[in-house]
């Protein structure tokens, strides 16, 4: 049986394979940036998210990433947003 995780955007439970894991990584002197953990092996706390722009926007609106990852301050979300919208970072 596959592990079940909760999406931080819509709060629905789903199988781990159908969700994206995101983690907070240090990004220069500016703070933390959310990055997609493709292999679910990066160190640290992870948050799980449906790979849809709707769940991403809901998580940002609710400030769910900071709570789920237990970090304070502002998290940069452009990397994850670009990944979900199908655009590539410059």
PDB file of N, CA and C in Angstrom:
ATOM      1  N   UNK A   1       0.856  -1.180   0.000  1.00  0.00           N
ATOM      2  CA  UNK A   1       0.000   0.000   0.000  1.00  0.00           C
ATOM      3  C   UNK A   1       0.904   1.247   0.000  1.00  0.00           C
ATOM      4  N   UNK A   2       0.569   2.194  -0.863  1.00  0.00           N
ATOM      5  CA  UNK A   2       1.373   3.402  -1.003  1.00  0.00           C
ATOM      6  C   UNK A   2       1.046   4.408   0.098  1.00  0.00           C
ATOM      7  N   UNK A   3       2.064   5.141   0.583  1.00  0.00           N
ATOM      8  CA  UNK A   3       1.816   6.160   1.611  1.00  0.00           C
ATOM      9  C   UNK A   3       0.877   7.255   1.115  1.00  0.00           C
ATOM     10  N   UNK A   4       0.119   7.818   2.029  1.00  0.00           N
ATOM     11  CA  UNK A   4      -0.834   8.883   1.718  1.00  0.00           C
ATOM     12  C   UNK A   4      -0.337  10.174   2.361  1.00  0.00           C
ATOM     13  N   UNK A   5      -0.424  11.272   1.638  1.00  0.00           N
ATOM     14  CA  UNK A   5      -0.013  12.583   2.131  1.00  0.00           C
ATOM     15  C   UNK A   5      -1.167  13.565   1.924  1.00  0.00           C
ATOM     16  N   UNK A   6      -1.089  14.718   2.596  1.00  0.00           N
ATOM     17  CA  UNK A   6      -2.121  15.746   2.483  1.00  0.00           C
ATOM     18  C   UNK A   6      -1.571  16.932   1.702  1.00  0.00           C
ATOM     19  N   UNK A   7      -2.302  17.375   0.703  1.00  0.00           N
ATOM     20  CA  UNK A   7      -1.927  18.539  -0.094  1.00  0.00           C
ATOM     21  C   UNK A   7      -2.075  19.795   0.772  1.00  0.00           C
ATOM     22  N   UNK A   8      -1.036  20.645   0.811  1.00  0.00           N
ATOM     23  CA  UNK A   8      -1.108  21.856   1.626  1.00  0.00           C
ATOM     24  C   UNK A   8      -2.016  22.907   0.996  1.00  0.00           C
ATOM     25  N   UNK A   9      -2.362  22.740  -0.278  1.00  0.00           N
ATOM     26  CA  UNK A   9      -3.235  23.698  -0.949  1.00  0.00           C
ATOM     27  C   UNK A   9      -4.709  23.438  -0.694  1.00  0.00           C
ATOM     28  N   UNK A  10      -5.168  22.251  -1.068  1.00  0.00           N
ATOM     29  CA  UNK A  10      -6.595  21.935  -0.958  1.00  0.00           C
ATOM     30  C   UNK A  10      -6.930  21.102   0.276  1.00  0.00           C
ATOM     31  N   UNK A  11      -5.908  20.616   0.977  1.00  0.00           N
ATOM     32  CA  UNK A  11      -6.062  19.806   2.183  1.00  0.00           C
ATOM     33  C   UNK A  11      -6.659  18.423   1.910  1.00  0.00           C
ATOM     34  N   UNK A  12      -6.704  18.000   0.656  1.00  0.00           N
ATOM     35  CA  UNK A  12      -7.200  16.665   0.320  1.00  0.00           C
ATOM     36  C   UNK A  12      -6.063  15.659   0.457  1.00  0.00           C
ATOM     37  N   UNK A  13      -6.402  14.445   0.866  1.00  0.00           N
ATOM     38  CA  UNK A  13      -5.406  13.392   0.993  1.00  0.00           C
ATOM     39  C   UNK A  13      -5.294  12.684  -0.349  1.00  0.00           C
ATOM     40  N   UNK A  14      -4.048  12.325  -0.697  1.00  0.00           N
ATOM     41  CA  UNK A  14      -3.801  11.641  -1.969  1.00  0.00           C
ATOM     42  C   UNK A  14      -2.553  10.775  -1.817  1.00  0.00           C
ATOM     43  N   UNK A  15      -2.378   9.866  -2.762  1.00  0.00           N
ATOM     44  CA  UNK A  15      -1.194   9.010  -2.715  1.00  0.00           C
ATOM     45  C   UNK A  15       0.054   9.857  -2.954  1.00  0.00           C
ATOM     46  N   UNK A  16       1.126   9.448  -2.354  1.00  0.00           N
ATOM     47  CA  UNK A  16       2.383  10.192  -2.433  1.00  0.00           C
ATOM     48  C   UNK A  16       2.838  10.385  -3.878  1.00  0.00           C
ATOM     49  N   UNK A  17       2.614   9.403  -4.730  1.00  0.00           N
ATOM     50  CA  UNK A  17       3.073   9.482  -6.122  1.00  0.00           C
ATOM     51  C   UNK A  17       2.308  10.520  -6.943  1.00  0.00           C
ATOM     52  N   UNK A  18       1.129  10.925  -6.493  1.00  0.00           N
ATOM     53  CA  UNK A  18       0.351  11.905  -7.245  1.00  0.00           C
ATOM     54  C   UNK A  18       0.606  13.338  -6.784  1.00  0.00           C
ATOM     55  N   UNK A  19       1.461  13.515  -5.773  1.00  0.00           N
ATOM     56  CA  UNK A  19       1.759  14.843  -5.234  1.00  0.00           C
ATOM     57  C   UNK A  19       3.215  15.215  -5.484  1.00  0.00           C
ATOM     58  N   UNK A  20       3.490  16.518  -5.457  1.00  0.00           N
ATOM     59  CA  UNK A  20       4.863  17.027  -5.534  1.00  0.00           C
ATOM     60  C   UNK A  20       5.346  17.341  -4.132  1.00  0.00           C
ATOM     61  N   UNK A  21       6.588  17.024  -3.850  1.00  0.00           N
ATOM     62  CA  UNK A  21       7.186  17.410  -2.571  1.00  0.00           C
ATOM     63  C   UNK A  21       7.978  18.687  -2.803  1.00  0.00           C
ATOM     64  N   UNK A  22       7.768  19.675  -1.949  1.00  0.00           N
ATOM     65  CA  UNK A  22       8.537  20.914  -2.022  1.00  0.00           C
ATOM     66  C   UNK A  22       9.258  21.108  -0.695  1.00  0.00           C
ATOM     67  N   UNK A  23      10.461  21.678  -0.770  1.00  0.00           N
ATOM     68  CA  UNK A  23      11.256  21.965   0.412  1.00  0.00           C
ATOM     69  C   UNK A  23      11.765  23.392   0.331  1.00  0.00           C
ATOM     70  N   UNK A  24      12.151  23.945   1.463  1.00  0.00           N
ATOM     71  CA  UNK A  24      12.725  25.292   1.511  1.00  0.00           C
ATOM     72  C   UNK A  24      14.241  25.165   1.484  1.00  0.00           C
ATOM     73  N   UNK A  25      14.880  25.879   0.564  1.00  0.00           N
ATOM     74  CA  UNK A  25      16.335  25.867   0.438  1.00  0.00           C
ATOM     75  C   UNK A  25      16.857  27.291   0.601  1.00  0.00           C
ATOM     76  N   UNK A  26      18.028  27.437   1.192  1.00  0.00           N
ATOM     77  CA  UNK A  26      18.650  28.761   1.349  1.00  0.00           C
ATOM     78  C   UNK A  26      18.950  29.329  -0.028  1.00  0.00           C
ATOM     79  N   UNK A  27      18.586  30.594  -0.225  1.00  0.00           N
ATOM     80  CA  UNK A  27      18.772  31.245  -1.517  1.00  0.00           C
ATOM     81  C   UNK A  27      19.496  32.561  -1.296  1.00  0.00           C
ATOM     82  N   UNK A  28      20.821  32.490  -1.238  1.00  0.00           N
ATOM     83  CA  UNK A  28      21.632  33.693  -1.059  1.00  0.00           C
ATOM     84  C   UNK A  28      21.296  34.412   0.241  1.00  0.00           C
ATOM     85  N   UNK A  29      21.584  35.704   0.300  1.00  0.00           N
ATOM     86  CA  UNK A  29      21.327  36.464   1.521  1.00  0.00           C
ATOM     87  C   UNK A  29      19.860  36.856   1.682  1.00  0.00           C
ATOM     88  N   UNK A  30      19.043  36.607   0.655  1.00  0.00           N
ATOM     89  CA  UNK A  30      17.650  37.060   0.692  1.00  0.00           C
ATOM     90  C   UNK A  30      16.734  36.172   1.500  1.00  0.00           C
ATOM     91  N   UNK A  31      17.117  34.948   1.758  1.00  0.00           N
ATOM     92  CA  UNK A  31      16.255  34.091   2.557  1.00  0.00           C
ATOM     93  C   UNK A  31      16.075  32.712   1.971  1.00  0.00           C
ATOM     94  N   UNK A  32      14.831  32.262   1.928  1.00  0.00           N
ATOM     95  CA  UNK A  32      14.518  30.898   1.525  1.00  0.00           C
ATOM     96  C   UNK A  32      13.696  30.877   0.248  1.00  0.00           C
ATOM     97  N   UNK A  33      13.920  29.852  -0.543  1.00  0.00           N
ATOM     98  CA  UNK A  33      13.192  29.649  -1.790  1.00  0.00           C
ATOM     99  C   UNK A  33      12.599  28.248  -1.780  1.00  0.00           C
ATOM    100  N   UNK A  34      11.351  28.125  -2.202  1.00  0.00           N
ATOM    101  CA  UNK A  34      10.741  26.811  -2.353  1.00  0.00           C
ATOM    102  C   UNK A  34      11.273  26.155  -3.613  1.00  0.00           C
ATOM    103  N   UNK A  35      11.635  24.899  -3.514  1.00  0.00           N
ATOM    104  CA  UNK A  35      12.067  24.146  -4.690  1.00  0.00           C
ATOM    105  C   UNK A  35      11.329  22.809  -4.715  1.00  0.00           C
ATOM    106  N   UNK A  36      11.096  22.316  -5.920  1.00  0.00           N
ATOM    107  CA  UNK A  36      10.450  21.019  -6.089  1.00  0.00           C
ATOM    108  C   UNK A  36      11.494  19.940  -5.854  1.00  0.00           C
ATOM    109  N   UNK A  37      11.153  18.984  -5.032  1.00  0.00           N
ATOM    110  CA  UNK A  37      12.023  17.847  -4.735  1.00  0.00           C
ATOM    111  C   UNK A  37      11.543  16.671  -5.588  1.00  0.00           C
ATOM    112  N   UNK A  38      12.085  16.573  -6.796  1.00  0.00           N
ATOM    113  CA  UNK A  38      11.632  15.569  -7.772  1.00  0.00           C
ATOM    114  C   UNK A  38      11.734  14.140  -7.250  1.00  0.00           C
ATOM    115  N   UNK A  39      12.814  13.840  -6.542  1.00  0.00           N
ATOM    116  CA  UNK A  39      13.035  12.463  -6.087  1.00  0.00           C
ATOM    117  C   UNK A  39      12.575  12.228  -4.654  1.00  0.00           C
ATOM    118  N   UNK A  40      12.056  13.264  -4.001  1.00  0.00           N
ATOM    119  CA  UNK A  40      11.606  13.189  -2.603  1.00  0.00           C
ATOM    120  C   UNK A  40      12.722  12.709  -1.683  1.00  0.00           C
ATOM    121  N   UNK A  41      13.951  13.188  -1.952  1.00  0.00           N
ATOM    122  CA  UNK A  41      15.088  12.770  -1.143  1.00  0.00           C
ATOM    123  C   UNK A  41      15.884  13.934  -0.557  1.00  0.00           C
ATOM    124  N   UNK A  42      15.509  15.172  -0.857  1.00  0.00           N
ATOM    125  CA  UNK A  42      16.245  16.308  -0.302  1.00  0.00           C
ATOM    126  C   UNK A  42      16.067  16.342   1.212  1.00  0.00           C
ATOM    127  N   UNK A  43      17.087  16.804   1.931  1.00  0.00           N
ATOM    128  CA  UNK A  43      16.993  16.841   3.393  1.00  0.00           C
ATOM    129  C   UNK A  43      16.038  17.926   3.871  1.00  0.00           C
ATOM    130  N   UNK A  44      15.544  17.748   5.064  1.00  0.00           N
ATOM    131  CA  UNK A  44      14.669  18.739   5.678  1.00  0.00           C
ATOM    132  C   UNK A  44      13.199  18.384   5.543  1.00  0.00           C
ATOM    133  N   UNK A  45      12.387  19.233   6.166  1.00  0.00           N
ATOM    134  CA  UNK A  45      10.943  19.038   6.107  1.00  0.00           C
ATOM    135  C   UNK A  45      10.438  19.285   4.705  1.00  0.00           C
ATOM    136  N   UNK A  46       9.448  18.537   4.317  1.00  0.00           N
ATOM    137  CA  UNK A  46       8.840  18.722   3.012  1.00  0.00           C
ATOM    138  C   UNK A  46       7.353  18.988   3.160  1.00  0.00           C
ATOM    139  N   UNK A  47       6.802  19.661   2.173  1.00  0.00           N
ATOM    140  CA  UNK A  47       5.358  19.873   2.082  1.00  0.00           C
ATOM    141  C   UNK A  47       4.903  19.217   0.780  1.00  0.00           C
ATOM    142  N   UNK A  48       3.705  18.703   0.773  1.00  0.00           N
ATOM    143  CA  UNK A  48       3.185  17.986  -0.394  1.00  0.00           C
ATOM    144  C   UNK A  48       2.088  18.808  -1.039  1.00  0.00           C
ATOM    145  N   UNK A  49       2.075  18.802  -2.373  1.00  0.00           N
ATOM    146  CA  UNK A  49       1.190  19.674  -3.137  1.00  0.00           C
ATOM    147  C   UNK A  49       0.744  18.974  -4.413  1.00  0.00           C
ATOM    148  N   UNK A  50      -0.549  19.087  -4.744  1.00  0.00           N
ATOM    149  CA  UNK A  50      -0.999  18.605  -6.056  1.00  0.00           C
ATOM    150  C   UNK A  50      -0.298  19.438  -7.124  1.00  0.00           C
ATOM    151  N   UNK A  51       0.106  18.844  -8.222  1.00  0.00           N
ATOM    152  CA  UNK A  51       0.808  19.599  -9.269  1.00  0.00           C
ATOM    153  C   UNK A  51      -0.162  20.430 -10.114  1.00  0.00           C
ATOM    154  N   UNK A  52      -0.895  21.319  -9.470  1.00  0.00           N
ATOM    155  CA  UNK A  52      -1.841  22.181 -10.185  1.00  0.00           C
ATOM    156  C   UNK A  52      -1.691  23.617  -9.697  1.00  0.00           C
ATOM    157  N   UNK A  53      -1.853  24.567 -10.609  1.00  0.00           N
ATOM    158  CA  UNK A  53      -1.769  25.983 -10.209  1.00  0.00           C
ATOM    159  C   UNK A  53      -2.819  26.364  -9.158  1.00  0.00           C
ATOM    160  N   UNK A  54      -3.975  25.715  -9.183  1.00  0.00           N
ATOM    161  CA  UNK A  54      -5.032  26.039  -8.229  1.00  0.00           C
ATOM    162  C   UNK A  54      -4.614  25.699  -6.798  1.00  0.00           C
ATOM    163  N   UNK A  55      -4.063  24.519  -6.600  1.00  0.00           N
ATOM    164  CA  UNK A  55      -3.611  24.126  -5.256  1.00  0.00           C
ATOM    165  C   UNK A  55      -2.438  24.994  -4.813  1.00  0.00           C
ATOM    166  N   UNK A  56      -1.561  25.341  -5.749  1.00  0.00           N
ATOM    167  CA  UNK A  56      -0.433  26.207  -5.415  1.00  0.00           C
ATOM    168  C   UNK A  56      -0.934  27.570  -4.942  1.00  0.00           C
ATOM    169  N   UNK A  57      -1.867  28.178  -5.688  1.00  0.00           N
ATOM    170  CA  UNK A  57      -2.405  29.490  -5.295  1.00  0.00           C
ATOM    171  C   UNK A  57      -3.111  29.418  -3.945  1.00  0.00           C
ATOM    172  N   UNK A  58      -3.844  28.340  -3.707  1.00  0.00           N
ATOM    173  CA  UNK A  58      -4.530  28.184  -2.419  1.00  0.00           C
ATOM    174  C   UNK A  58      -3.518  28.097  -1.280  1.00  0.00           C
ATOM    175  N   UNK A  59      -2.431  27.383  -1.492  1.00  0.00           N
ATOM    176  CA  UNK A  59      -1.399  27.255  -0.452  1.00  0.00           C
ATOM    177  C   UNK A  59      -0.726  28.596  -0.184  1.00  0.00           C
ATOM    178  N   UNK A  60      -0.457  29.367  -1.233  1.00  0.00           N
ATOM    179  CA  UNK A  60       0.162  30.681  -1.061  1.00  0.00           C
ATOM    180  C   UNK A  60      -0.794  31.619  -0.332  1.00  0.00           C
ATOM    181  N   UNK A  61      -2.055  31.622  -0.722  1.00  0.00           N
ATOM    182  CA  UNK A  61      -3.062  32.483  -0.090  1.00  0.00           C
ATOM    183  C   UNK A  61      -3.202  32.160   1.391  1.00  0.00           C
ATOM    184  N   UNK A  62      -3.199  30.891   1.727  1.00  0.00           N
ATOM    185  CA  UNK A  62      -3.358  30.458   3.119  1.00  0.00           C
ATOM    186  C   UNK A  62      -2.055  30.507   3.907  1.00  0.00           C
ATOM    187  N   UNK A  63      -0.949  30.845   3.235  1.00  0.00           N
ATOM    188  CA  UNK A  63       0.387  30.837   3.853  1.00  0.00           C
ATOM    189  C   UNK A  63       0.718  29.469   4.432  1.00  0.00           C
ATOM    190  N   UNK A  64       0.309  28.444   3.719  1.00  0.00           N
ATOM    191  CA  UNK A  64       0.456  27.071   4.199  1.00  0.00           C
ATOM    192  C   UNK A  64       1.890  26.558   4.115  1.00  0.00           C
ATOM    193  N   UNK A  65       2.685  27.066   3.168  1.00  0.00           N
ATOM    194  CA  UNK A  65       4.051  26.558   3.032  1.00  0.00           C
ATOM    195  C   UNK A  65       4.882  26.856   4.274  1.00  0.00           C
ATOM    196  N   UNK A  66       4.798  28.065   4.783  1.00  0.00           N
ATOM    197  CA  UNK A  66       5.564  28.437   5.977  1.00  0.00           C
ATOM    198  C   UNK A  66       5.217  27.577   7.173  1.00  0.00           C
ATOM    199  N   UNK A  67       3.926  27.315   7.349  1.00  0.00           N
ATOM    200  CA  UNK A  67       3.495  26.479   8.477  1.00  0.00           C
ATOM    201  C   UNK A  67       3.929  25.031   8.291  1.00  0.00           C
ATOM    202  N   UNK A  68       3.723  24.504   7.095  1.00  0.00           N
ATOM    203  CA  UNK A  68       4.056  23.101   6.851  1.00  0.00           C
ATOM    204  C   UNK A  68       5.560  22.849   6.966  1.00  0.00           C
ATOM    205  N   UNK A  69       6.356  23.810   6.513  1.00  0.00           N
ATOM    206  CA  UNK A  69       7.807  23.642   6.542  1.00  0.00           C
ATOM    207  C   UNK A  69       8.436  24.162   7.824  1.00  0.00           C
ATOM    208  N   UNK A  70       7.613  24.789   8.654  1.00  0.00           N
ATOM    209  CA  UNK A  70       8.058  25.352   9.935  1.00  0.00           C
ATOM    210  C   UNK A  70       9.199  26.349   9.754  1.00  0.00           C
ATOM    211  N   UNK A  71       8.974  27.295   8.843  1.00  0.00           N
ATOM    212  CA  UNK A  71       9.945  28.365   8.624  1.00  0.00           C
ATOM    213  C   UNK A  71       9.247  29.702   8.852  1.00  0.00           C
ATOM    214  N   UNK A  72      10.030  30.687   9.242  1.00  0.00           N
ATOM    215  CA  UNK A  72       9.499  32.021   9.471  1.00  0.00           C
ATOM    216  C   UNK A  72       9.966  32.928   8.358  1.00  0.00           C
ATOM    217  N   UNK A  73       9.232  33.994   8.133  1.00  0.00           N
ATOM    218  CA  UNK A  73       9.613  34.949   7.102  1.00  0.00           C
ATOM    219  C   UNK A  73       8.988  34.603   5.764  1.00  0.00           C
ATOM    220  N   UNK A  74       9.484  35.269   4.745  1.00  0.00           N
ATOM    221  CA  UNK A  74       8.938  35.120   3.403  1.00  0.00           C
ATOM    222  C   UNK A  74       9.658  34.018   2.644  1.00  0.00           C
ATOM    223  N   UNK A  75       8.885  33.206   1.967  1.00  0.00           N
ATOM    224  CA  UNK A  75       9.440  32.155   1.120  1.00  0.00           C
ATOM    225  C   UNK A  75       9.281  32.577  -0.336  1.00  0.00           C
ATOM    226  N   UNK A  76      10.341  32.473  -1.099  1.00  0.00           N
ATOM    227  CA  UNK A  76      10.238  32.720  -2.532  1.00  0.00           C
ATOM    228  C   UNK A  76       9.549  31.541  -3.186  1.00  0.00           C
ATOM    229  N   UNK A  77       8.567  31.815  -4.018  1.00  0.00           N
ATOM    230  CA  UNK A  77       7.786  30.728  -4.611  1.00  0.00           C
ATOM    231  C   UNK A  77       7.903  30.661  -6.128  1.00  0.00           C
ATOM    232  N   UNK A  78       8.733  31.499  -6.723  1.00  0.00           N
ATOM    233  CA  UNK A  78       8.776  31.585  -8.183  1.00  0.00           C
ATOM    234  C   UNK A  78       9.213  30.277  -8.842  1.00  0.00           C
ATOM    235  N   UNK A  79      10.136  29.547  -8.235  1.00  0.00           N
ATOM    236  CA  UNK A  79      10.610  28.293  -8.827  1.00  0.00           C
ATOM    237  C   UNK A  79       9.471  27.280  -8.963  1.00  0.00           C
ATOM    238  N   UNK A  80       8.708  27.118  -7.904  1.00  0.00           N
ATOM    239  CA  UNK A  80       7.592  26.160  -7.927  1.00  0.00           C
ATOM    240  C   UNK A  80       6.486  26.671  -8.851  1.00  0.00           C
ATOM    241  N   UNK A  81       6.196  27.953  -8.796  1.00  0.00           N
ATOM    242  CA  UNK A  81       5.160  28.532  -9.654  1.00  0.00           C
ATOM    243  C   UNK A  81       5.500  28.344 -11.127  1.00  0.00           C
ATOM    244  N   UNK A  82       6.748  28.599 -11.492  1.00  0.00           N
ATOM    245  CA  UNK A  82       7.167  28.415 -12.886  1.00  0.00           C
ATOM    246  C   UNK A  82       7.071  26.959 -13.300  1.00  0.00           C
ATOM    247  N   UNK A  83       7.422  26.058 -12.420  1.00  0.00           N
ATOM    248  CA  UNK A  83       7.342  24.623 -12.719  1.00  0.00           C
ATOM    249  C   UNK A  83       5.902  24.193 -12.977  1.00  0.00           C
ATOM    250  N   UNK A  84       4.973  24.710 -12.171  1.00  0.00           N
ATOM    251  CA  UNK A  84       3.575  24.327 -12.321  1.00  0.00           C
ATOM    252  C   UNK A  84       2.926  24.980 -13.545  1.00  0.00           C
ATOM    253  N   UNK A  85       3.398  26.156 -13.917  1.00  0.00           N
ATOM    254  CA  UNK A  85       2.849  26.848 -15.078  1.00  0.00           C
ATOM    255  C   UNK A  85       3.519  26.415 -16.376  1.00  0.00           C
ATOM    256  N   UNK A  86       4.528  25.561 -16.276  1.00  0.00           N
ATOM    257  CA  UNK A  86       5.179  25.054 -17.461  1.00  0.00           C
ATOM    258  C   UNK A  86       6.222  25.976 -18.054  1.00  0.00           C
ATOM    259  N   UNK A  87       6.646  26.987 -17.301  1.00  0.00           N
ATOM    260  CA  UNK A  87       7.686  27.891 -17.803  1.00  0.00           C
ATOM    261  C   UNK A  87       9.020  27.496 -17.191  1.00  0.00           C
ATOM    262  N   UNK A  88      10.086  27.953 -17.816  1.00  0.00           N
ATOM    263  CA  UNK A  88      11.427  27.612 -17.356  1.00  0.00           C
ATOM    264  C   UNK A  88      12.073  28.834 -16.737  1.00  0.00           C
ATOM    265  N   UNK A  89      12.794  28.631 -15.636  1.00  0.00           N
ATOM    266  CA  UNK A  89      13.521  29.731 -15.007  1.00  0.00           C
ATOM    267  C   UNK A  89      14.637  30.202 -15.923  1.00  0.00           C
ATOM    268  N   UNK A  90      14.877  31.514 -15.987  1.00  0.00           N
ATOM    269  CA  UNK A  90      15.981  32.011 -16.823  1.00  0.00           C
ATOM    270  C   UNK A  90      17.325  31.645 -16.242  1.00  0.00           C
TER     271      UNK A  90
END
